[in-house]
N, C-alpha and C. Protein backbone atom coordinates (compact mmCIF):
# COMPACT_ATOMS: atom_id res chain seq x y z
N UNK A 1 5.35 11.16 -12.35
CA UNK A 1 3.93 10.57 -12.65
C UNK A 1 3.14 11.78 -12.25
N UNK A 2 2.12 12.06 -12.94
CA UNK A 2 1.07 13.15 -12.39
C UNK A 2 0.07 12.38 -11.81
N UNK A 3 -0.34 13.12 -10.73
CA UNK A 3 -1.48 12.87 -9.82
C UNK A 3 -2.60 13.96 -9.98
N UNK A 4 -3.86 13.52 -9.89
CA UNK A 4 -5.17 14.35 -9.90
C UNK A 4 -5.80 14.32 -8.74
N UNK A 5 -6.58 15.14 -8.16
CA UNK A 5 -7.08 15.17 -6.87
C UNK A 5 -8.40 14.60 -6.93
N UNK A 6 -8.72 13.37 -6.28
CA UNK A 6 -9.91 12.16 -6.09
C UNK A 6 -10.25 12.82 -5.05
N UNK A 7 -11.55 13.26 -4.86
CA UNK A 7 -12.18 13.61 -3.32
C UNK A 7 -12.41 12.68 -2.62
N UNK A 8 -11.84 12.96 -1.28
CA UNK A 8 -11.96 12.09 -0.15
C UNK A 8 -10.34 11.40 -0.09
N UNK A 9 -9.88 11.30 -1.21
CA UNK A 9 -8.81 10.27 -1.28
C UNK A 9 -7.41 11.32 -1.56
N UNK A 10 -7.52 12.47 -2.01
CA UNK A 10 -6.45 13.14 -2.11
C UNK A 10 -5.89 12.77 -3.52
N UNK A 11 -4.65 13.11 -3.92
CA UNK A 11 -4.11 12.82 -5.40
C UNK A 11 -3.84 11.52 -5.44
N UNK A 12 -4.22 11.30 -7.06
CA UNK A 12 -3.97 9.75 -7.61
C UNK A 12 -3.37 10.01 -8.74
N UNK A 13 -2.73 8.62 -9.16
CA UNK A 13 -1.49 8.63 -10.19
C UNK A 13 -2.23 9.43 -11.43
N UNK A 14 -1.13 9.95 -12.34
CA UNK A 14 -1.67 10.46 -13.48
C UNK A 14 -0.75 11.26 -13.95
N UNK A 15 0.87 11.61 -13.70
CA UNK A 15 2.01 12.46 -14.32
C UNK A 15 3.09 13.25 -13.78
N UNK A 16 3.07 14.35 -13.46
CA UNK A 16 4.53 15.24 -12.90
C UNK A 16 4.19 15.10 -11.56
N UNK A 17 5.26 14.80 -10.89
CA UNK A 17 5.48 14.56 -9.55
C UNK A 17 5.25 15.86 -8.72
N UNK A 18 5.83 16.90 -9.37
CA UNK A 18 5.77 18.15 -8.74
C UNK A 18 4.54 18.77 -8.69
N UNK A 19 3.33 18.42 -9.46
CA UNK A 19 1.89 18.93 -9.57
C UNK A 19 1.14 18.37 -8.09
N UNK A 20 1.83 17.43 -7.65
CA UNK A 20 0.88 16.92 -6.31
C UNK A 20 1.04 17.76 -5.07
N UNK A 21 -0.26 18.27 -4.69
CA UNK A 21 -0.22 19.34 -3.44
C UNK A 21 -1.27 18.38 -2.41
N UNK A 22 -0.75 18.13 -1.32
CA UNK A 22 -1.78 17.54 -0.41
C UNK A 22 -1.97 18.29 0.94
N UNK A 23 -3.06 18.05 1.31
CA UNK A 23 -3.53 18.72 2.53
C UNK A 23 -3.51 17.66 3.98
N UNK A 24 -3.64 18.32 5.23
CA UNK A 24 -3.74 17.58 6.15
C UNK A 24 -4.83 16.50 6.23
N UNK A 25 -4.66 15.28 6.68
CA UNK A 25 -5.70 14.53 6.69
C UNK A 25 -5.79 13.38 5.33
N UNK A 26 -5.34 14.01 4.19
CA UNK A 26 -5.14 13.39 3.08
C UNK A 26 -3.76 12.30 3.15
N UNK A 27 -4.11 11.04 2.28
CA UNK A 27 -2.95 10.03 2.40
C UNK A 27 -2.07 10.24 1.45
N UNK A 28 -0.68 10.06 1.72
CA UNK A 28 0.38 10.45 0.61
C UNK A 28 0.17 9.38 -0.44
N UNK A 29 -0.08 10.02 -1.64
CA UNK A 29 0.06 8.98 -2.88
C UNK A 29 1.35 8.16 -3.16
N UNK A 30 2.14 8.95 -2.69
CA UNK A 30 3.59 8.35 -3.14
C UNK A 30 4.56 8.55 -2.17
N UNK A 31 5.79 7.92 -1.98
CA UNK A 31 6.82 7.72 -1.16
C UNK A 31 7.70 8.91 -1.64
N UNK A 32 8.57 9.83 -0.92
CA UNK A 32 9.24 10.76 -1.28
C UNK A 32 9.51 11.87 -0.47
N UNK A 33 10.11 12.77 -1.09
CA UNK A 33 10.42 13.98 -0.27
C UNK A 33 9.43 15.26 -0.66
N UNK A 34 8.96 15.74 0.41
CA UNK A 34 7.66 16.74 0.20
C UNK A 34 8.28 18.06 0.61
N UNK A 35 7.82 19.06 0.15
CA UNK A 35 8.04 20.41 0.55
C UNK A 35 7.03 20.94 1.27
N UNK A 36 7.23 21.20 2.45
CA UNK A 36 6.36 21.87 3.39
C UNK A 36 6.09 23.22 3.43
N UNK A 37 4.93 23.91 3.15
CA UNK A 37 4.78 25.38 3.12
C UNK A 37 3.40 25.71 4.09
N UNK A 38 4.18 26.61 5.07
CA UNK A 38 3.12 27.02 5.99
C UNK A 38 2.63 28.25 5.62
N UNK A 39 1.25 28.25 5.35
CA UNK A 39 0.46 29.31 4.78
C UNK A 39 0.41 30.69 5.49
N UNK A 40 0.61 30.58 7.00
CA UNK A 40 0.73 31.73 7.64
C UNK A 40 2.25 32.25 7.89
N UNK A 41 3.09 31.47 7.24
CA UNK A 41 4.39 31.76 7.01
C UNK A 41 5.15 32.26 8.37
N UNK A 42 4.72 31.20 9.29
CA UNK A 42 5.51 31.44 10.52
C UNK A 42 6.69 30.61 10.48
N UNK A 43 6.99 29.87 9.64
CA UNK A 43 8.10 29.16 9.30
C UNK A 43 8.55 29.09 7.81
N UNK A 44 9.85 28.95 7.36
CA UNK A 44 10.24 29.04 6.14
C UNK A 44 9.85 27.55 5.45
N UNK A 45 9.89 27.35 4.02
CA UNK A 45 9.37 26.15 3.58
C UNK A 45 10.71 25.02 3.87
N UNK A 46 10.10 23.80 4.29
CA UNK A 46 11.29 22.98 4.43
C UNK A 46 10.70 21.66 3.90
N UNK A 47 11.73 20.59 3.97
CA UNK A 47 11.56 19.18 3.39
C UNK A 47 10.97 18.14 4.54
N UNK A 48 10.36 17.08 4.16
CA UNK A 48 10.09 16.18 4.95
C UNK A 48 9.94 14.84 4.40
N UNK A 49 10.16 13.67 4.64
CA UNK A 49 10.26 12.55 3.93
C UNK A 49 9.04 11.65 4.39
N UNK A 50 8.09 11.41 3.41
CA UNK A 50 6.82 10.80 3.73
C UNK A 50 6.59 9.58 2.93
N UNK A 51 6.01 8.58 3.61
CA UNK A 51 5.79 6.98 3.04
C UNK A 51 4.57 7.08 2.54
N UNK A 52 4.52 6.47 1.38
CA UNK A 52 3.16 6.43 0.79
C UNK A 52 1.94 5.42 1.70
N UNK A 53 0.86 6.21 1.60
CA UNK A 53 -0.22 5.59 2.43
C UNK A 53 -0.41 6.32 3.85
N UNK A 54 0.82 7.25 4.25
CA UNK A 54 0.87 7.68 5.57
C UNK A 54 -0.15 9.18 5.57
N UNK A 55 -0.84 9.74 6.44
CA UNK A 55 -1.43 10.65 6.60
C UNK A 55 -0.73 11.82 6.83
N UNK A 56 -1.02 12.80 5.84
CA UNK A 56 -0.39 14.27 6.34
C UNK A 56 -1.08 14.97 7.46
N UNK A 57 -0.10 15.17 8.57
CA UNK A 57 -0.60 15.94 9.63
C UNK A 57 -0.96 17.21 10.00
N UNK A 58 -1.61 17.74 10.70
CA UNK A 58 -1.66 19.22 11.13
C UNK A 58 -0.45 19.74 11.49
N UNK A 59 -0.16 21.10 11.18
CA UNK A 59 1.10 21.92 12.08
C UNK A 59 0.45 22.12 13.38
N UNK A 60 1.48 21.99 14.19
CA UNK A 60 0.93 22.54 15.63
C UNK A 60 0.77 23.86 15.68
N UNK A 61 1.23 24.72 14.86
CA UNK A 61 1.49 26.18 15.07
C UNK A 61 -0.13 26.73 13.92
N UNK A 62 -0.06 26.18 12.60
CA UNK A 62 -0.87 26.99 11.87
C UNK A 62 -2.16 25.88 11.42
N UNK A 63 -2.11 24.70 12.28
CA UNK A 63 -3.13 23.79 12.00
C UNK A 63 -3.27 23.19 10.60
N UNK A 64 -4.52 23.43 10.22
CA UNK A 64 -4.66 23.02 8.72
C UNK A 64 -4.29 23.84 7.54
N UNK A 65 -3.69 25.03 7.90
CA UNK A 65 -3.19 25.93 7.04
C UNK A 65 -1.62 25.25 6.58
N UNK A 66 -1.59 24.35 6.12
CA UNK A 66 -0.14 23.82 5.71
C UNK A 66 -0.43 22.71 4.56
N UNK A 67 0.48 22.94 3.43
CA UNK A 67 0.59 22.26 2.29
C UNK A 67 1.81 21.41 2.12
N UNK A 68 1.57 20.39 1.50
CA UNK A 68 2.64 19.15 1.25
C UNK A 68 2.75 19.03 -0.33
N UNK A 69 3.92 19.53 -1.04
CA UNK A 69 4.20 19.39 -2.33
C UNK A 69 5.17 18.25 -2.59
N UNK A 70 4.88 17.27 -3.45
CA UNK A 70 5.87 16.00 -3.76
C UNK A 70 6.86 16.69 -4.59
N UNK A 71 8.22 16.88 -3.94
CA UNK A 71 9.33 17.29 -4.74
C UNK A 71 9.95 16.43 -5.62
N UNK A 72 10.44 15.26 -5.06
CA UNK A 72 10.86 14.23 -5.64
C UNK A 72 10.48 12.80 -5.02
N UNK A 73 10.01 11.87 -5.96
CA UNK A 73 9.40 10.61 -5.64
C UNK A 73 10.63 9.78 -5.33
N UNK A 74 10.64 8.95 -4.36
CA UNK A 74 11.46 7.76 -3.90
C UNK A 74 10.82 6.77 -3.28
N UNK A 75 11.21 5.43 -3.69
CA UNK A 75 10.84 4.28 -3.26
C UNK A 75 11.20 3.96 -2.24
N UNK A 76 10.20 3.46 -1.17
CA UNK A 76 10.61 2.92 0.32
C UNK A 76 11.27 1.63 0.03
N UNK A 77 12.33 1.40 1.17
CA UNK A 77 13.03 0.19 0.81
C UNK A 77 12.03 -1.26 0.77
N UNK A 78 11.09 -1.03 1.76
CA UNK A 78 10.31 -2.19 1.76
C UNK A 78 9.01 -2.33 0.68
N UNK A 79 9.25 -1.24 -0.13
CA UNK A 79 8.37 -0.94 -1.30
C UNK A 79 8.91 -1.57 -2.70
N UNK A 80 10.18 -1.90 -2.49
CA UNK A 80 11.03 -1.94 -4.01
C UNK A 80 10.91 -3.58 -3.93
N UNK A 81 10.60 -4.11 -5.08
CA UNK A 81 10.36 -5.31 -5.61
C UNK A 81 11.53 -6.31 -4.85
N UNK A 82 12.73 -5.77 -5.51
CA UNK A 82 13.80 -6.79 -5.44
C UNK A 82 14.13 -6.47 -3.86
N UNK A 83 14.14 -5.55 -3.13
CA UNK A 83 14.70 -5.54 -1.86
C UNK A 83 13.67 -5.71 -0.80
N UNK A 84 12.56 -6.29 -1.07
CA UNK A 84 11.46 -6.30 0.12
C UNK A 84 10.92 -7.53 0.29
N UNK A 85 12.05 -8.79 -0.17
CA UNK A 85 11.57 -9.97 0.18
C UNK A 85 11.35 -10.17 1.67
N UNK A 86 10.44 -11.08 2.04
CA UNK A 86 9.76 -11.39 3.53
C UNK A 86 11.17 -11.78 4.08
N UNK A 87 11.90 -10.84 4.98
CA UNK A 87 12.80 -11.50 5.78
C UNK A 87 12.49 -11.38 7.28
N UNK A 88 13.04 -11.74 8.30
CA UNK A 88 12.80 -11.71 9.79
C UNK A 88 12.72 -10.14 9.80
N UNK A 89 13.53 -9.20 9.33
CA UNK A 89 13.51 -7.98 9.69
C UNK A 89 12.39 -7.28 9.37
N UNK A 90 11.58 -7.59 8.40
CA UNK A 90 10.50 -7.22 7.83
C UNK A 90 9.08 -7.49 8.13
N UNK A 91 9.15 -8.74 9.09
CA UNK A 91 8.10 -9.18 9.78
C UNK A 91 7.60 -9.33 11.14
N UNK A 92 6.51 -9.29 11.34
CA UNK A 92 6.03 -9.12 12.82
C UNK A 92 5.11 -10.10 13.23
N UNK A 93 5.22 -10.55 14.74
CA UNK A 93 4.20 -11.45 15.19
C UNK A 93 2.81 -10.76 15.74
N UNK A 94 2.72 -9.46 15.60
CA UNK A 94 1.65 -8.83 16.16
C UNK A 94 0.50 -9.35 15.10
N UNK A 95 -0.63 -9.46 15.87
CA UNK A 95 -1.82 -10.01 15.17
C UNK A 95 -2.89 -8.83 14.78
N UNK A 96 -3.32 -9.28 13.72
CA UNK A 96 -4.50 -7.85 13.45
C UNK A 96 -5.65 -7.99 14.43
N UNK A 97 -6.44 -6.75 14.78
CA UNK A 97 -7.45 -6.90 15.45
C UNK A 97 -8.40 -7.90 15.24
N UNK A 98 -9.14 -8.49 16.07
CA UNK A 98 -10.18 -9.09 15.65
C UNK A 98 -9.63 -10.82 15.16
N UNK A 99 -8.46 -11.18 15.12
CA UNK A 99 -7.76 -12.02 14.35
C UNK A 99 -8.49 -13.56 14.69
N UNK A 100 -8.78 -13.50 15.94
CA UNK A 100 -9.25 -14.95 16.58
C UNK A 100 -10.66 -15.07 15.78
N UNK A 101 -11.29 -14.19 15.22
CA UNK A 101 -12.82 -14.73 14.55
C UNK A 101 -12.43 -14.94 13.11
N UNK A 102 -11.14 -14.56 12.73
CA UNK A 102 -10.98 -15.19 11.16
C UNK A 102 -10.60 -16.48 11.29
N UNK A 103 -10.86 -16.99 9.67
CA UNK A 103 -10.49 -18.41 9.52
C UNK A 103 -9.30 -18.82 9.53
N UNK A 104 -8.31 -17.46 9.32
CA UNK A 104 -6.73 -17.77 9.32
C UNK A 104 -6.40 -16.73 9.81
N UNK A 105 -5.14 -16.88 10.74
CA UNK A 105 -4.44 -15.76 11.46
C UNK A 105 -3.80 -14.94 10.63
N UNK A 106 -3.88 -13.74 10.82
CA UNK A 106 -3.07 -12.55 10.01
C UNK A 106 -2.01 -12.36 10.90
N UNK A 107 -0.79 -11.97 9.97
CA UNK A 107 0.20 -11.29 10.46
C UNK A 107 0.64 -10.00 9.93
N UNK A 108 1.09 -9.02 10.55
CA UNK A 108 1.39 -7.76 10.10
C UNK A 108 2.93 -8.12 9.14
N UNK A 109 2.83 -7.55 8.10
CA UNK A 109 4.05 -7.81 7.00
C UNK A 109 3.73 -6.58 5.94
N UNK A 110 4.90 -6.08 5.59
CA UNK A 110 5.03 -5.04 4.56
C UNK A 110 5.77 -5.54 3.42
N UNK A 111 5.04 -5.90 2.33
CA UNK A 111 5.55 -6.35 1.18
C UNK A 111 4.96 -5.85 0.02
N UNK A 112 5.88 -5.61 -1.18
CA UNK A 112 5.20 -5.01 -2.24
C UNK A 112 4.29 -6.01 -2.95
N UNK A 113 3.48 -5.80 -3.45
CA UNK A 113 2.36 -6.71 -4.49
C UNK A 113 2.15 -5.69 -5.77
N UNK A 114 1.80 -6.80 -6.74
CA UNK A 114 1.53 -6.34 -8.10
C UNK A 114 -0.24 -6.65 -8.31
N UNK A 115 -1.23 -6.03 -8.54
CA UNK A 115 -2.36 -6.58 -8.92
C UNK A 115 -2.59 -6.28 -10.50
N UNK A 116 -3.10 -7.37 -11.01
CA UNK A 116 -3.37 -7.53 -12.42
C UNK A 116 -5.05 -7.97 -12.64
N UNK A 117 -5.69 -7.29 -13.72
CA UNK A 117 -7.08 -7.75 -14.31
C UNK A 117 -6.62 -7.54 -15.60
N UNK A 118 -6.28 -8.64 -16.22
CA UNK A 118 -6.03 -8.59 -17.78
C UNK A 118 -7.26 -8.68 -18.49
N UNK A 119 -8.52 -9.29 -17.85
CA UNK A 119 -9.52 -9.80 -18.73
C UNK A 119 -10.48 -8.43 -18.89
N UNK A 120 -10.19 -7.32 -18.47
CA UNK A 120 -10.92 -6.07 -18.58
C UNK A 120 -10.48 -5.70 -20.00
N UNK A 121 -11.16 -4.60 -20.63
CA UNK A 121 -11.13 -4.34 -22.04
C UNK A 121 -9.88 -3.42 -21.82
N UNK A 122 -9.58 -2.62 -20.86
CA UNK A 122 -8.26 -2.10 -20.67
C UNK A 122 -7.48 -2.47 -19.50
N UNK A 123 -6.62 -3.60 -19.87
CA UNK A 123 -6.06 -4.47 -18.72
C UNK A 123 -5.42 -3.54 -17.41
N UNK A 124 -5.60 -3.82 -16.12
CA UNK A 124 -5.33 -3.30 -15.06
C UNK A 124 -4.10 -3.79 -14.68
N UNK A 125 -3.12 -3.05 -14.40
CA UNK A 125 -1.69 -3.41 -13.56
C UNK A 125 -1.54 -2.37 -12.51
N UNK A 126 -1.77 -2.38 -11.12
CA UNK A 126 -1.51 -1.53 -10.14
C UNK A 126 -0.52 -2.09 -9.35
N UNK A 127 0.26 -1.33 -8.47
CA UNK A 127 1.32 -1.39 -7.62
C UNK A 127 0.85 -1.01 -6.26
N UNK A 128 1.25 -1.75 -5.12
CA UNK A 128 0.86 -1.51 -3.79
C UNK A 128 1.72 -2.19 -2.64
N UNK A 129 1.46 -2.38 -1.61
CA UNK A 129 2.07 -3.11 -0.41
C UNK A 129 1.28 -3.36 0.50
N UNK A 130 1.77 -4.65 1.14
CA UNK A 130 0.54 -5.51 2.11
C UNK A 130 0.78 -4.66 3.32
N UNK A 131 -0.33 -4.52 4.14
CA UNK A 131 -0.17 -4.13 5.67
C UNK A 131 -0.33 -5.51 6.57
N UNK A 132 -1.11 -6.42 6.18
CA UNK A 132 -0.98 -7.63 6.86
C UNK A 132 -1.38 -9.01 5.77
N UNK A 133 -1.25 -10.30 6.24
CA UNK A 133 -1.19 -11.21 5.24
C UNK A 133 -1.71 -12.62 6.33
N UNK A 134 -2.53 -13.40 5.39
CA UNK A 134 -2.87 -14.41 5.93
C UNK A 134 -3.22 -15.80 4.59
N UNK A 135 -3.18 -16.76 5.16
CA UNK A 135 -3.64 -18.00 3.80
C UNK A 135 -4.84 -17.55 3.13
N UNK A 136 -5.79 -16.91 3.78
CA UNK A 136 -6.96 -16.61 2.99
C UNK A 136 -7.29 -15.06 2.58
N UNK A 137 -6.41 -14.14 2.88
CA UNK A 137 -6.51 -12.79 2.66
C UNK A 137 -5.30 -11.72 2.84
N UNK A 138 -5.38 -10.71 2.57
CA UNK A 138 -4.63 -9.76 3.02
C UNK A 138 -5.10 -8.10 3.07
N UNK A 139 -4.58 -7.46 3.86
CA UNK A 139 -4.78 -6.08 3.78
C UNK A 139 -3.67 -5.24 3.03
N UNK A 140 -3.92 -4.04 2.22
CA UNK A 140 -2.79 -3.54 1.38
C UNK A 140 -3.39 -2.20 1.17
N UNK A 141 -2.12 -1.45 0.99
CA UNK A 141 -2.40 0.08 0.77
C UNK A 141 -1.95 0.24 -0.85
N UNK A 142 -3.11 0.78 -1.62
CA UNK A 142 -3.00 0.98 -3.00
C UNK A 142 -3.49 2.07 -3.37
N UNK A 143 -2.60 3.09 -3.99
CA UNK A 143 -3.10 4.65 -4.33
C UNK A 143 -4.04 4.61 -5.45
N UNK A 144 -4.10 3.65 -6.44
CA UNK A 144 -5.08 4.06 -7.34
C UNK A 144 -6.27 3.23 -7.42
N UNK A 145 -7.32 4.03 -7.87
CA UNK A 145 -8.52 3.17 -7.69
C UNK A 145 -8.89 2.22 -8.82
N UNK A 146 -9.59 1.10 -8.51
CA UNK A 146 -9.92 -0.05 -9.70
C UNK A 146 -10.96 0.54 -10.77
N UNK A 147 -10.77 -0.04 -11.89
CA UNK A 147 -11.73 0.34 -12.93
C UNK A 147 -13.27 -0.44 -12.77
N UNK A 148 -13.22 -1.43 -12.18
CA UNK A 148 -14.25 -2.41 -11.74
C UNK A 148 -13.92 -3.25 -10.63
N UNK A 149 -14.52 -2.81 -9.53
CA UNK A 149 -14.29 -3.46 -8.04
C UNK A 149 -14.65 -4.82 -7.82
N UNK A 150 -15.77 -5.18 -8.60
CA UNK A 150 -16.46 -6.52 -8.50
C UNK A 150 -15.68 -7.88 -9.19
N UNK A 151 -14.85 -7.26 -9.81
CA UNK A 151 -14.11 -8.47 -10.64
C UNK A 151 -12.94 -9.16 -9.97
N UNK A 152 -12.87 -10.31 -10.27
CA UNK A 152 -11.60 -11.10 -9.50
C UNK A 152 -10.49 -10.64 -10.20
N UNK A 153 -9.58 -10.40 -9.37
CA UNK A 153 -8.11 -9.99 -9.94
C UNK A 153 -6.97 -11.05 -9.53
N UNK A 154 -5.65 -10.71 -10.08
CA UNK A 154 -4.60 -11.50 -9.49
C UNK A 154 -3.90 -10.88 -8.81
N UNK A 155 -3.05 -11.28 -7.76
CA UNK A 155 -2.11 -10.64 -6.90
C UNK A 155 -1.08 -11.39 -7.15
N UNK A 156 0.26 -10.67 -7.12
CA UNK A 156 1.77 -11.42 -7.04
C UNK A 156 2.25 -10.71 -5.93
N UNK A 157 3.22 -11.40 -5.24
CA UNK A 157 3.99 -10.93 -4.08
C UNK A 157 5.39 -11.74 -3.88
N UNK A 158 6.30 -11.49 -3.45
CA UNK A 158 7.27 -12.23 -3.30
C UNK A 158 7.45 -13.41 -2.52
N UNK A 159 7.95 -14.64 -2.62
CA UNK A 159 8.09 -15.67 -1.88
C UNK A 159 8.81 -15.34 -0.91
N UNK A 160 8.86 -16.51 0.27
CA UNK A 160 10.23 -16.36 1.19
C UNK A 160 11.43 -16.80 1.04
N UNK A 161 12.59 -15.94 1.06
CA UNK A 161 13.98 -16.04 0.81
C UNK A 161 14.17 -16.18 -0.76
N UNK A 162 13.32 -15.04 -1.18
CA UNK A 162 13.73 -15.13 -2.73
C UNK A 162 13.05 -16.17 -3.56
N UNK A 163 12.22 -16.98 -3.15
CA UNK A 163 11.74 -18.21 -3.98
C UNK A 163 10.84 -17.33 -5.00
N UNK A 164 10.09 -18.30 -5.78
CA UNK A 164 9.38 -18.10 -6.84
C UNK A 164 8.34 -17.02 -6.18
N UNK A 165 7.76 -16.44 -6.97
CA UNK A 165 6.64 -15.32 -6.70
C UNK A 165 5.32 -15.88 -6.28
N UNK A 166 4.77 -15.75 -5.18
CA UNK A 166 3.44 -16.19 -5.06
C UNK A 166 2.14 -15.43 -5.88
N UNK A 167 1.37 -16.27 -6.40
CA UNK A 167 0.30 -15.61 -7.43
C UNK A 167 -1.01 -16.19 -7.09
N UNK A 168 -2.01 -15.37 -6.49
CA UNK A 168 -3.19 -15.65 -6.01
C UNK A 168 -4.24 -15.06 -6.65
N UNK A 169 -5.58 -15.43 -6.85
CA UNK A 169 -6.65 -14.92 -7.33
C UNK A 169 -7.77 -14.43 -6.10
N UNK A 170 -7.78 -13.12 -6.11
CA UNK A 170 -8.42 -12.44 -5.05
C UNK A 170 -9.59 -11.53 -5.39
N UNK A 171 -10.48 -11.12 -4.42
CA UNK A 171 -11.50 -10.20 -4.82
C UNK A 171 -11.50 -9.16 -3.67
N UNK A 172 -12.14 -8.02 -4.05
CA UNK A 172 -11.76 -6.93 -3.01
C UNK A 172 -13.27 -7.09 -2.06
N UNK A 173 -12.79 -6.97 -0.69
CA UNK A 173 -13.98 -7.21 0.21
C UNK A 173 -14.31 -5.72 1.07
N UNK A 174 -13.51 -4.78 1.01
CA UNK A 174 -13.36 -3.36 1.42
C UNK A 174 -12.45 -2.57 1.28
N UNK A 175 -12.73 -1.16 1.29
CA UNK A 175 -11.93 -0.19 0.94
C UNK A 175 -12.17 1.05 1.70
N UNK A 176 -11.11 1.65 2.08
CA UNK A 176 -11.37 2.86 2.94
C UNK A 176 -10.10 3.85 2.50
N UNK A 177 -10.33 4.77 2.00
CA UNK A 177 -9.18 5.41 1.13
C UNK A 177 -8.48 4.59 0.54
N UNK A 178 -7.00 4.65 0.58
CA UNK A 178 -6.29 3.64 -0.15
C UNK A 178 -5.87 2.40 0.66
N UNK A 179 -6.82 2.40 1.51
CA UNK A 179 -6.51 1.06 2.43
C UNK A 179 -7.71 -0.17 1.84
N UNK A 180 -6.98 -1.09 1.56
CA UNK A 180 -7.95 -2.23 1.01
C UNK A 180 -7.86 -3.60 1.79
N UNK A 181 -8.90 -4.46 1.54
CA UNK A 181 -8.94 -5.92 2.17
C UNK A 181 -9.40 -6.60 1.00
N UNK A 182 -8.57 -7.64 0.84
CA UNK A 182 -8.70 -8.74 -0.18
C UNK A 182 -8.96 -10.24 0.64
N UNK A 183 -10.03 -10.69 -0.22
CA UNK A 183 -10.03 -12.45 0.14
C UNK A 183 -9.43 -12.94 -1.14
N UNK A 184 -8.57 -14.24 -0.71
CA UNK A 184 -8.09 -15.15 -1.54
C UNK A 184 -9.21 -16.03 -2.39
N UNK A 185 -9.45 -16.07 -3.60
CA UNK A 185 -10.66 -16.85 -4.10
C UNK A 185 -9.87 -18.09 -4.85
N UNK A 186 -8.68 -17.97 -5.34
CA UNK A 186 -8.20 -19.09 -6.16
C UNK A 186 -6.60 -19.05 -5.70
N UNK A 187 -6.15 -20.23 -4.93
CA UNK A 187 -4.85 -20.36 -4.63
C UNK A 187 -4.63 -21.88 -4.74
N UNK A 188 -3.30 -22.10 -5.61
CA UNK A 188 -2.92 -23.31 -5.98
C UNK A 188 -2.28 -24.02 -4.79
N UNK A 189 -2.36 -25.32 -4.57
CA UNK A 189 -1.80 -26.04 -3.40
C UNK A 189 -0.18 -25.41 -3.00
N UNK A 190 0.72 -25.16 -4.33
CA UNK A 190 2.04 -24.77 -4.09
C UNK A 190 2.08 -23.42 -3.46
N UNK A 191 0.99 -22.57 -3.92
CA UNK A 191 1.11 -21.21 -3.40
C UNK A 191 0.43 -21.27 -2.12
N UNK A 192 -0.44 -22.29 -1.63
CA UNK A 192 -1.15 -22.32 -0.49
C UNK A 192 0.16 -22.41 0.59
N UNK A 193 0.96 -23.45 -0.08
CA UNK A 193 1.94 -23.83 1.05
C UNK A 193 2.81 -22.66 1.34
N UNK A 194 3.28 -21.91 0.24
CA UNK A 194 4.11 -20.99 0.42
C UNK A 194 3.64 -19.73 1.02
N UNK A 195 2.19 -19.51 1.26
CA UNK A 195 1.40 -18.43 1.98
C UNK A 195 1.69 -18.87 3.39
N UNK A 196 1.42 -20.27 3.87
CA UNK A 196 1.53 -20.98 5.08
C UNK A 196 2.91 -20.73 5.67
N UNK A 197 3.91 -20.84 4.80
CA UNK A 197 5.22 -21.02 5.15
C UNK A 197 5.62 -19.49 5.43
N UNK A 198 5.11 -18.68 4.70
CA UNK A 198 5.63 -17.09 4.79
C UNK A 198 4.99 -16.56 6.24
N UNK A 199 3.69 -17.17 6.50
CA UNK A 199 3.03 -16.55 7.76
C UNK A 199 3.52 -17.10 9.15
N UNK A 200 3.91 -18.52 8.92
CA UNK A 200 4.23 -19.29 10.08
C UNK A 200 5.90 -18.64 10.10
N UNK A 201 6.59 -18.34 9.36
CA UNK A 201 8.03 -17.80 9.55
C UNK A 201 7.94 -16.61 10.57
N UNK A 202 6.70 -15.66 10.11
CA UNK A 202 6.80 -14.47 10.94
C UNK A 202 6.22 -14.50 12.42
N UNK A 203 5.79 -15.90 12.67
CA UNK A 203 5.44 -16.22 14.15
C UNK A 203 6.21 -16.83 14.94
N UNK A 204 7.30 -17.19 14.02
CA UNK A 204 8.52 -18.27 14.78
C UNK A 204 9.48 -17.20 15.44
């Protein structure tokens, strides 16, 4: 899949993985093996594994004179839809900062999600993964930009113990780079119970 450079966000999806070249401070657009090139040549080119959404670091020696080229894209196990169900090993009881002032308690959890906006002239389907979750909203890392950020969208995520997928209506509340915050605007009683069970399970 090619990525093109979007000012302030780094490469974003659009075709050939090896066309992706990132700089320190940018966020990885995809999980995979990256070739590291030190521009002052103090070290030979080498490989590193980087997870989507992670920030590329400075080099201790050449500082910002280092580039990261995506060599081959690989899904992280927590971002694979079939392997990333909410199990005990993928959940944490750590609470998000300022959680006490939220309507619902948030928990840190890393799960794959699909975002859909089929009401647009050009239907939008994006992939991402959560950083935290509650009955009322979620934080997520998404590499692609929305065509219309003010519209409501549908978010789908896997239910607890491989149950039926949870599907909710949501709207974007904030975005900083690839990090997004969503408020749930439409949740069925069944999906509300599934979200409550999922969050409670992470705190047990």
